[in-house]
Protein backbone atom coordinates (compact mmCIF):
# COMPACT_ATOMS: atom_id res chain seq x y z
CA MET A 1 130.23 -169.83 73.70
CA LEU A 2 129.40 -166.44 72.32
CA THR A 3 129.55 -163.34 74.52
CA ARG A 4 127.08 -160.67 73.94
CA ASP A 5 128.48 -157.19 73.95
CA ARG A 6 125.97 -155.14 75.87
CA GLY A 7 125.97 -151.42 75.17
CA GLY A 8 124.54 -148.77 77.46
CA PHE A 9 124.79 -147.97 81.15
CA SER A 10 124.26 -150.13 84.18
CA LEU A 11 121.75 -149.22 86.87
CA ILE A 12 124.52 -148.18 89.27
CA GLU A 13 126.05 -145.81 86.72
CA ILE A 14 122.67 -144.16 86.14
CA CYS A 15 122.08 -143.74 89.90
CA ILE A 16 125.51 -142.13 90.36
CA ALA A 17 124.87 -139.78 87.43
CA ILE A 18 121.51 -138.74 88.93
CA VAL A 19 123.11 -138.05 92.34
CA ILE A 20 125.83 -135.89 90.74
CA LEU A 21 123.29 -134.01 88.63
CA THR A 22 121.05 -133.41 91.66
CA ALA A 23 123.97 -132.02 93.68
CA ALA A 24 124.89 -129.67 90.84
CA VAL A 25 121.32 -128.38 90.43
CA LEU A 26 120.92 -127.85 94.18
CA GLY A 27 124.24 -125.98 94.30
CA LEU A 28 123.13 -123.66 91.51
CA ALA A 29 119.79 -123.03 93.20
CA ALA A 30 121.48 -122.17 96.52
CA SER A 31 123.97 -119.80 94.90
CA SER A 32 121.30 -117.99 92.88
CA GLY A 33 119.23 -117.57 96.05
CA SER A 34 122.14 -116.03 97.90
CA MET A 35 122.76 -113.65 94.98
CA LEU A 36 119.17 -112.38 95.15
CA SER A 37 119.42 -111.42 98.83
CA PRO A 38 121.60 -108.30 98.27
CA VAL A 39 119.25 -107.20 95.50
CA ASN A 40 116.27 -107.41 97.86
CA ASP A 41 118.20 -105.53 100.57
CA ALA A 42 119.09 -102.76 98.13
CA GLU A 43 115.49 -102.45 96.99
CA THR A 44 114.28 -102.22 100.60
CA GLU A 45 116.86 -99.55 101.41
CA PHE A 46 115.87 -97.59 98.31
CA VAL A 47 112.19 -97.60 99.30
CA ALA A 48 113.15 -96.49 102.84
CA LEU A 49 115.30 -93.69 101.43
CA GLN A 50 112.37 -92.53 99.31
CA TYR A 51 110.17 -92.33 102.42
CA VAL A 52 112.83 -90.28 104.22
CA GLU A 53 113.38 -87.93 101.28
CA ASP A 54 109.63 -87.51 100.75
CA ARG A 55 109.18 -86.40 104.35
CA LEU A 56 112.07 -83.92 104.17
CA THR A 57 110.71 -82.51 100.91
CA GLU A 58 107.27 -82.02 102.51
CA VAL A 59 108.87 -80.14 105.41
CA ARG A 60 111.09 -78.07 103.12
CA LEU A 61 108.16 -76.96 100.94
CA ASP A 62 105.69 -76.18 103.74
CA PRO A 63 105.47 -72.42 104.40
CA ARG A 64 104.04 -72.82 107.93
CA TYR A 65 107.43 -72.52 109.66
CA PRO A 66 106.30 -71.99 113.29
CA VAL A 67 104.18 -75.18 113.39
CA LEU A 68 106.25 -77.61 111.33
CA ASP A 69 106.88 -79.84 114.35
CA SER A 70 103.20 -80.21 115.18
CA ILE A 71 102.32 -81.07 111.57
CA TYR A 72 105.13 -83.46 110.69
CA GLY A 73 106.60 -84.58 114.02
CA THR A 74 105.07 -88.04 113.97
CA THR A 75 105.83 -91.74 113.91
CA GLU A 76 104.14 -93.72 111.15
CA THR A 77 103.96 -97.49 111.21
CA THR A 78 102.13 -98.13 107.93
CA LEU A 79 104.60 -97.77 105.08
CA LEU A 80 103.58 -99.29 101.77
CA GLY A 81 106.29 -101.67 100.55
CA LEU A 82 108.05 -101.83 103.95
CA PRO A 83 106.10 -104.17 106.21
CA GLY A 84 107.09 -103.83 109.86
CA ALA A 85 109.03 -100.60 109.30
CA ARG A 86 108.28 -97.19 110.78
CA ARG A 87 109.07 -93.60 109.81
CA GLU A 88 109.87 -91.19 112.61
CA THR A 89 110.31 -87.46 112.13
CA THR A 90 111.80 -85.40 114.97
CA PHE A 91 112.27 -81.65 115.25
CA THR A 92 114.68 -79.62 117.35
CA ARG A 93 114.25 -75.85 117.35
CA THR A 94 117.23 -73.62 117.96
CA ARG A 95 116.70 -69.97 118.86
CA THR A 96 119.67 -67.94 120.00
CA ALA A 97 120.45 -64.25 120.12
CA GLU A 98 123.57 -63.03 118.38
CA PRO A 99 125.73 -60.25 119.82
CA ASN A 100 124.37 -57.81 117.21
CA GLY A 101 120.84 -58.29 118.58
CA LYS A 102 119.52 -60.47 115.76
CA TRP A 103 117.96 -63.87 116.40
CA VAL A 104 119.07 -67.14 114.86
CA ASP A 105 116.04 -69.38 114.47
CA TYR A 106 116.03 -72.75 112.71
CA TRP A 107 114.63 -76.28 112.89
CA THR A 108 116.83 -79.36 112.70
CA VAL A 109 114.67 -82.10 111.20
CA VAL A 110 115.69 -85.76 111.40
CA ALA A 111 113.73 -88.31 109.36
CA THR A 112 114.37 -91.97 110.12
CA VAL A 113 112.98 -95.18 108.65
CA SER A 114 113.83 -98.29 110.67
CA GLY A 115 112.68 -101.81 111.40
CA GLY A 116 111.10 -104.31 109.08
CA ARG A 117 113.58 -105.91 106.69
CA LEU A 118 116.08 -103.05 106.96
CA ARG A 119 119.50 -104.09 108.23
CA GLN A 120 120.15 -100.59 109.56
CA PRO A 121 118.03 -97.44 109.83
CA VAL A 122 117.98 -94.91 106.99
CA VAL A 123 118.51 -91.44 108.48
CA ARG A 124 118.68 -88.00 106.88
CA LYS A 125 118.88 -84.51 108.43
CA LEU A 126 117.59 -81.18 107.22
CA VAL A 127 118.02 -77.69 108.61
CA VAL A 128 115.15 -75.28 107.90
CA ALA A 129 115.70 -71.63 108.77
CA ALA A 130 113.03 -69.12 109.71
CA PRO A 131 111.82 -67.04 106.79
């Protein structure tokens, strides 16, 4: 009796190969997804930092020193590119007399963007002295 030599793969070998290939593809997809998360976080933090710096630049360039707090001391909840985040700007005015009779007068401005997809708030301070 003659034996036929069959070449190729059996059905079980093909199924095992498909399972191994599927596991490898899913592993690659999961690792690439986890690598994109820090990139998205960095982009969100950059946009938040831009909002903070923009606010401090507006305050720094505005010549209306006595009323800066009433113009810019707000909380905004609509920030383009940062859904769910808010920008808060607070002012603290310091006025003290020095022993020589002169006054020290300055604003401490704190701009904060928090919430949304940010892991932690982005905060910057600025001191603006009276002209």
